[in-house]
Protein backbone atom coordinates (compact mmCIF):
# COMPACT_ATOMS: atom_id res chain seq x y z
CA MET A 1 28.69 3.27 -30.51
CA ASP A 2 25.31 4.29 -29.06
CA ASN A 3 23.58 2.70 -32.06
CA ASN A 4 25.13 -0.68 -31.28
CA ARG A 5 23.96 -0.47 -27.69
CA ASP A 6 20.42 0.37 -28.83
CA ILE A 7 20.37 -2.60 -31.19
CA ARG A 8 21.49 -4.94 -28.42
CA GLN A 9 18.82 -3.59 -26.07
CA THR A 10 16.01 -3.97 -28.60
CA SER A 11 17.07 -7.51 -29.46
CA LYS A 12 16.97 -8.39 -25.77
CA LEU A 13 13.48 -6.97 -25.45
CA GLN A 14 12.20 -9.11 -28.34
CA GLU A 15 13.33 -12.44 -26.86
CA PRO A 16 10.48 -14.10 -24.93
CA ASP A 17 11.04 -15.33 -21.40
CA LEU A 18 10.86 -19.11 -21.76
CA LYS A 19 10.66 -19.95 -18.07
CA ILE A 20 7.59 -19.38 -15.93
CA PRO A 21 7.06 -20.57 -12.36
CA VAL A 22 4.72 -23.48 -11.77
CA SER A 23 2.22 -23.24 -8.94
CA GLY A 24 3.32 -25.15 -5.87
CA MET A 25 7.00 -25.04 -6.83
CA ASP A 26 9.67 -22.72 -5.56
CA SER A 27 11.40 -20.37 -7.97
CA SER A 28 14.49 -22.58 -8.21
CA ARG A 29 12.45 -25.18 -10.16
CA LEU A 30 10.96 -23.60 -13.24
CA GLN A 31 8.82 -25.11 -15.94
CA HIS A 32 9.75 -24.54 -19.57
CA SER A 33 6.88 -23.02 -21.46
CA GLN A 34 7.05 -22.15 -25.12
CA LEU A 35 5.68 -18.73 -25.97
CA VAL A 36 4.81 -17.26 -29.34
CA THR A 37 5.36 -13.61 -30.10
CA THR A 38 2.36 -11.77 -31.43
CA GLY A 39 2.56 -9.00 -34.00
CA MET A 40 2.67 -6.40 -31.24
CA GLY A 41 5.77 -7.91 -29.62
CA GLN A 42 3.89 -9.54 -26.74
CA SER A 43 4.45 -13.16 -25.81
CA GLN A 44 1.51 -15.51 -25.30
CA PRO A 45 1.36 -19.20 -24.40
CA VAL A 46 0.73 -21.63 -27.25
CA ILE A 47 -1.91 -23.61 -25.32
CA SER A 48 -4.13 -22.79 -22.37
CA LYS A 49 -3.49 -24.12 -18.87
CA GLN A 50 -6.51 -26.46 -19.18
CA GLN A 51 -5.21 -27.88 -22.47
CA GLU A 52 -1.79 -28.35 -20.91
CA GLU A 53 -3.25 -30.21 -17.91
CA ALA A 54 -5.34 -32.42 -20.23
CA LEU A 55 -2.26 -33.30 -22.29
CA ILE A 56 -0.30 -34.06 -19.10
CA ARG A 57 -3.03 -36.51 -17.98
CA TYR A 58 -3.09 -37.98 -21.49
CA ASN A 59 0.67 -38.58 -21.39
CA HIS A 60 0.38 -40.21 -17.96
CA ILE A 61 -2.14 -42.61 -19.46
CA THR A 62 0.11 -43.45 -22.42
CA TYR A 63 3.11 -44.08 -20.17
CA LEU A 64 0.91 -46.31 -17.99
CA LEU A 65 -0.28 -48.25 -21.04
CA TYR A 66 3.32 -48.86 -22.09
CA VAL A 67 4.02 -50.34 -18.65
CA LEU A 68 0.82 -52.41 -18.65
CA SER A 69 1.73 -53.81 -22.07
CA TYR A 70 4.42 -55.92 -20.38
CA PHE A 71 1.70 -57.73 -18.44
CA THR A 72 -0.45 -58.36 -21.52
CA ALA A 73 2.29 -59.96 -23.64
CA GLY A 74 2.62 -56.72 -25.60
CA LEU A 75 -1.01 -56.62 -26.73
CA LEU A 76 -1.49 -53.11 -25.32
CA TRP A 77 1.73 -51.88 -26.90
CA ILE A 78 0.03 -50.59 -30.03
CA VAL A 79 -2.59 -48.52 -28.14
CA PRO A 80 -0.26 -45.81 -26.74
CA ILE A 81 1.49 -45.32 -30.08
CA ILE A 82 -1.85 -44.68 -31.77
CA MET A 83 -2.82 -42.32 -28.93
CA ASN A 84 0.49 -40.44 -29.29
CA TYR A 85 0.04 -39.93 -33.02
CA ALA A 86 -3.57 -38.82 -32.44
CA ARG A 87 -2.68 -35.98 -30.04
CA ARG A 88 0.82 -35.09 -31.16
CA GLN A 89 -0.32 -31.99 -33.10
CA GLN A 90 -2.07 -30.50 -30.05
CA ALA A 91 1.21 -30.35 -28.14
CA GLU A 92 3.23 -28.78 -30.95
CA HIS A 93 5.53 -25.93 -29.81
CA THR A 94 5.15 -26.87 -26.12
CA TRP A 95 7.32 -28.76 -23.69
CA LEU A 96 4.84 -31.64 -23.91
CA ALA A 97 5.78 -32.23 -27.55
CA THR A 98 9.03 -33.74 -26.30
CA HIS A 99 7.06 -36.41 -24.45
CA PHE A 100 5.02 -37.36 -27.51
CA ASP A 101 8.18 -37.56 -29.64
CA TRP A 102 10.02 -39.47 -26.89
CA GLN A 103 7.31 -42.13 -26.69
CA ILE A 104 7.00 -42.45 -30.46
CA LYS A 105 10.76 -42.84 -30.90
CA THR A 106 10.90 -45.32 -28.03
CA PHE A 107 8.23 -47.44 -29.71
CA TRP A 108 9.79 -47.51 -33.17
CA TYR A 109 13.40 -48.03 -32.06
CA SER A 110 12.28 -50.80 -29.70
CA ILE A 111 10.44 -52.48 -32.56
CA VAL A 112 13.50 -52.28 -34.82
CA PHE A 113 15.90 -53.63 -32.18
CA ALA A 114 13.50 -56.37 -31.08
CA VAL A 115 12.94 -57.54 -34.67
CA ILE A 116 16.67 -57.57 -35.37
CA GLY A 117 17.28 -59.58 -32.18
CA ILE A 118 14.49 -62.05 -32.90
CA VAL A 119 15.56 -62.57 -36.53
CA MET A 120 19.16 -63.16 -35.48
CA ALA A 121 18.06 -65.61 -32.78
CA VAL A 122 15.77 -67.53 -35.15
CA ILE A 123 18.45 -67.75 -37.84
CA GLY A 124 20.98 -68.82 -35.23
CA LEU A 125 18.71 -71.49 -33.81
CA GLY A 126 17.90 -72.73 -37.32
CA GLY A 127 21.59 -72.95 -38.10
CA LEU A 128 22.13 -74.75 -34.81
CA GLY A 129 19.62 -77.39 -35.88
CA LEU A 130 21.32 -77.74 -39.26
CA GLY A 131 24.72 -78.00 -37.60
CA VAL A 132 23.56 -80.75 -35.27
CA PHE A 133 21.94 -82.73 -38.10
CA SER A 134 24.94 -82.39 -40.38
CA ASP A 135 27.30 -83.24 -37.53
CA SER A 136 29.25 -80.00 -37.98
CA SER A 137 30.47 -78.48 -34.73
CA ASN A 138 31.63 -75.25 -36.45
CA VAL A 139 28.15 -74.50 -37.80
CA ALA A 140 26.59 -75.38 -34.45
CA LEU A 141 29.04 -73.13 -32.58
CA GLY A 142 28.55 -70.18 -34.94
CA SER A 143 24.80 -70.58 -34.85
CA THR A 144 24.79 -70.67 -31.07
CA GLY A 145 26.79 -67.44 -31.01
CA LEU A 146 24.38 -65.80 -33.47
CA ALA A 147 21.37 -66.92 -31.42
CA ALA A 148 23.00 -65.61 -28.22
CA LEU A 149 23.78 -62.27 -29.88
CA GLY A 150 20.19 -62.00 -31.08
CA GLY A 151 18.96 -62.74 -27.57
CA LEU A 152 21.24 -60.03 -26.14
CA ILE A 153 19.97 -57.48 -28.66
CA PHE A 154 16.38 -58.38 -27.76
CA LEU A 155 17.20 -58.07 -24.04
CA PHE A 156 18.91 -54.71 -24.66
CA SER A 157 15.77 -53.50 -26.48
CA PHE A 158 13.61 -54.53 -23.54
CA ILE A 159 15.80 -52.84 -20.91
CA TRP A 160 16.26 -49.73 -23.07
CA GLN A 161 12.50 -49.35 -23.48
CA ILE A 162 11.91 -49.63 -19.73
CA TYR A 163 14.63 -47.02 -19.13
CA ARG A 164 13.03 -44.60 -21.58
CA ILE A 165 9.54 -45.08 -20.14
CA VAL A 166 10.79 -44.44 -16.60
CA LYS A 167 12.90 -41.43 -17.63
CA GLY A 168 10.05 -39.88 -19.61
CA TRP A 169 7.46 -40.50 -16.90
CA ILE A 170 9.69 -38.92 -14.24
CA ALA A 171 10.19 -35.84 -16.44
CA LEU A 172 6.43 -35.61 -17.03
CA THR A 173 5.74 -35.86 -13.31
CA ASP A 174 8.24 -33.03 -12.75
CA LYS A 175 6.46 -31.05 -15.52
CA ARG A 176 9.56 -30.62 -17.61
CA PRO A 177 10.54 -31.64 -21.14
CA VAL A 178 12.24 -34.97 -21.56
CA GLN A 179 15.81 -34.81 -22.86
């Protein structure tokens, strides 16, 4: 029975403490920090505090570029995705990795949903034109419905992307992983 208790105690000692206080915050709000265990059983941070602060600023810039892309007809939309792929490896095994993954997934899912919505709308509008020319109200009605559904999917993609940018940026400002 004593052997089981010793095993439980040693396993507890080997688990790293994954929460460390952040300066300027009370102890009730803790930052998640990934630690790696060295060969001697000690836990050390994966990246330095300076590297962490640089990656935080970098993520603020990428979130800002996503927002600014709405005012440039999407021309800036490709810049933050390239930036995220460029620095993704530096944040590996840290809470900041969730922000890089979050932004990358937001970009690609938004692209997929937007393309699906646009294709459906274009096919629907094309069918609407054919229905009007052939004097078929059924084709025109179905095509209008398809175009409307495509427009709703595109609108959903737009709103969903804004939601994810805001949610991620708030989590970054609070210095916590995005979930």
